[in-house]
N, C-alpha and C. Protein backbone atom coordinates (compact mmCIF):
# COMPACT_ATOMS: atom_id res chain seq x y z
N MET A 1 68.90 -7.28 -36.34
CA MET A 1 68.01 -6.45 -35.54
C MET A 1 68.12 -6.87 -34.08
N ARG A 2 68.19 -5.90 -33.21
CA ARG A 2 68.36 -6.18 -31.79
C ARG A 2 67.05 -6.62 -31.17
N GLU A 3 67.13 -7.63 -30.32
CA GLU A 3 65.93 -8.14 -29.65
C GLU A 3 65.61 -7.25 -28.46
N ARG A 4 64.34 -6.88 -28.34
CA ARG A 4 63.89 -6.04 -27.22
C ARG A 4 63.25 -6.91 -26.16
N ASN A 5 63.17 -6.36 -24.99
CA ASN A 5 62.56 -7.05 -23.87
C ASN A 5 61.05 -7.12 -24.07
N ILE A 6 60.43 -8.23 -23.69
CA ILE A 6 58.99 -8.42 -23.87
C ILE A 6 58.18 -7.47 -23.00
N PHE A 7 58.75 -7.04 -21.86
CA PHE A 7 58.05 -6.11 -20.98
C PHE A 7 57.78 -4.78 -21.69
N ILE A 8 58.70 -4.34 -22.52
CA ILE A 8 58.53 -3.08 -23.24
C ILE A 8 57.34 -3.18 -24.19
N TYR A 9 57.28 -4.28 -24.95
CA TYR A 9 56.18 -4.45 -25.89
C TYR A 9 54.83 -4.55 -25.18
N ILE A 10 54.77 -5.31 -24.10
CA ILE A 10 53.51 -5.46 -23.36
C ILE A 10 53.06 -4.12 -22.79
N GLY A 11 53.99 -3.35 -22.22
CA GLY A 11 53.66 -2.04 -21.67
C GLY A 11 53.15 -1.08 -22.72
N ILE A 12 53.79 -1.07 -23.87
CA ILE A 12 53.37 -0.17 -24.95
C ILE A 12 51.99 -0.57 -25.46
N VAL A 13 51.76 -1.86 -25.64
CA VAL A 13 50.45 -2.33 -26.13
C VAL A 13 49.35 -1.99 -25.13
N ILE A 14 49.59 -2.22 -23.84
CA ILE A 14 48.59 -1.89 -22.82
C ILE A 14 48.26 -0.41 -22.88
N TYR A 15 49.29 0.43 -22.93
CA TYR A 15 49.06 1.87 -22.92
C TYR A 15 48.35 2.35 -24.18
N ILE A 16 48.72 1.84 -25.34
CA ILE A 16 48.08 2.26 -26.59
C ILE A 16 46.62 1.81 -26.64
N ILE A 17 46.36 0.57 -26.23
CA ILE A 17 44.98 0.07 -26.24
C ILE A 17 44.11 0.88 -25.28
N MET A 18 44.62 1.12 -24.08
CA MET A 18 43.85 1.90 -23.10
C MET A 18 43.56 3.31 -23.63
N SER A 19 44.57 3.96 -24.19
CA SER A 19 44.38 5.32 -24.70
C SER A 19 43.40 5.34 -25.87
N GLY A 20 43.51 4.36 -26.76
CA GLY A 20 42.60 4.30 -27.90
C GLY A 20 41.16 4.06 -27.49
N ILE A 21 40.95 3.14 -26.58
CA ILE A 21 39.59 2.87 -26.10
C ILE A 21 39.03 4.10 -25.40
N ASP A 22 39.84 4.73 -24.55
CA ASP A 22 39.36 5.89 -23.80
C ASP A 22 39.04 7.06 -24.73
N ARG A 23 39.82 7.21 -25.75
CA ARG A 23 39.63 8.37 -26.63
C ARG A 23 38.53 8.17 -27.67
N PHE A 24 38.44 6.97 -28.26
CA PHE A 24 37.57 6.78 -29.41
C PHE A 24 36.35 5.90 -29.17
N VAL A 25 36.38 5.01 -28.19
CA VAL A 25 35.30 4.05 -28.04
C VAL A 25 34.43 4.39 -26.84
N TYR A 26 35.03 4.40 -25.67
CA TYR A 26 34.28 4.57 -24.43
C TYR A 26 35.15 5.26 -23.41
N HIS A 27 34.61 6.23 -22.69
CA HIS A 27 35.37 6.92 -21.65
C HIS A 27 35.54 6.00 -20.45
N ILE A 28 36.78 5.64 -20.17
CA ILE A 28 37.08 4.75 -19.05
C ILE A 28 37.20 5.60 -17.79
N PRO A 29 36.52 5.20 -16.71
CA PRO A 29 36.63 5.97 -15.45
C PRO A 29 38.08 6.02 -14.95
N ASN A 30 38.42 7.13 -14.28
CA ASN A 30 39.78 7.31 -13.81
C ASN A 30 40.21 6.26 -12.81
N MET A 31 39.28 5.70 -12.04
CA MET A 31 39.63 4.68 -11.06
C MET A 31 40.15 3.41 -11.74
N ILE A 32 39.78 3.19 -12.98
CA ILE A 32 40.26 2.03 -13.74
C ILE A 32 41.44 2.43 -14.62
N TYR A 33 41.35 3.59 -15.25
CA TYR A 33 42.36 4.01 -16.23
C TYR A 33 43.72 4.24 -15.59
N ILE A 34 43.75 4.97 -14.48
CA ILE A 34 45.03 5.36 -13.88
C ILE A 34 45.86 4.15 -13.44
N PRO A 35 45.31 3.17 -12.69
CA PRO A 35 46.15 2.03 -12.30
C PRO A 35 46.66 1.20 -13.49
N ILE A 36 45.83 1.03 -14.51
CA ILE A 36 46.27 0.25 -15.67
C ILE A 36 47.31 1.03 -16.47
N ALA A 37 47.15 2.35 -16.58
CA ALA A 37 48.15 3.17 -17.27
C ALA A 37 49.47 3.14 -16.51
N ILE A 38 49.42 3.20 -15.18
CA ILE A 38 50.64 3.12 -14.38
C ILE A 38 51.31 1.76 -14.56
N LEU A 39 50.50 0.70 -14.65
CA LEU A 39 51.05 -0.64 -14.89
C LEU A 39 51.78 -0.69 -16.24
N GLY A 40 51.17 -0.11 -17.27
CA GLY A 40 51.81 -0.08 -18.58
C GLY A 40 53.12 0.69 -18.57
N ILE A 41 53.13 1.84 -17.92
CA ILE A 41 54.35 2.64 -17.83
C ILE A 41 55.41 1.91 -17.01
N ALA A 42 54.99 1.26 -15.93
CA ALA A 42 55.94 0.50 -15.10
C ALA A 42 56.56 -0.64 -15.89
N LEU A 43 55.77 -1.33 -16.70
CA LEU A 43 56.32 -2.41 -17.52
C LEU A 43 57.34 -1.89 -18.53
N ILE A 44 57.07 -0.73 -19.11
CA ILE A 44 58.01 -0.13 -20.05
C ILE A 44 59.32 0.20 -19.34
N LEU A 45 59.22 0.81 -18.16
CA LEU A 45 60.43 1.17 -17.41
C LEU A 45 61.20 -0.07 -16.96
N ILE A 46 60.49 -1.10 -16.50
CA ILE A 46 61.15 -2.35 -16.11
C ILE A 46 61.89 -2.95 -17.30
N GLY A 47 61.25 -2.92 -18.46
CA GLY A 47 61.89 -3.44 -19.67
C GLY A 47 63.14 -2.67 -20.04
N PHE A 48 63.10 -1.33 -19.95
CA PHE A 48 64.28 -0.53 -20.27
C PHE A 48 65.41 -0.80 -19.29
N PHE A 49 65.10 -0.82 -18.00
CA PHE A 49 66.15 -1.06 -17.01
C PHE A 49 66.73 -2.46 -17.11
N LYS A 50 65.88 -3.44 -17.39
CA LYS A 50 66.35 -4.80 -17.55
C LYS A 50 67.22 -4.94 -18.80
N ASP A 51 66.83 -4.22 -19.86
CA ASP A 51 67.59 -4.23 -21.10
C ASP A 51 68.97 -3.61 -20.90
N LYS A 52 69.03 -2.50 -20.14
CA LYS A 52 70.31 -1.85 -19.87
C LYS A 52 71.20 -2.71 -19.01
N LYS A 53 70.59 -3.44 -18.05
CA LYS A 53 71.38 -4.27 -17.15
C LYS A 53 71.99 -5.45 -17.89
N ASP A 54 71.31 -5.95 -18.90
CA ASP A 54 71.78 -7.10 -19.66
C ASP A 54 72.96 -6.78 -20.56
N LYS A 55 73.18 -5.50 -20.83
CA LYS A 55 74.28 -5.11 -21.74
C LYS A 55 75.62 -5.29 -21.10
């Protein structure tokens, strides 16, 4: 099995947890949700680009 970059896993976990909390537990204000969601997406993209560069 191929090893994935840790940034991808952290980004996915951040995004899934934020979406789950916002949808099912408590509505997170946009001023908090948007920057953390962008951070999660940025970590995923950094992980993909770093993974491609390592090949």
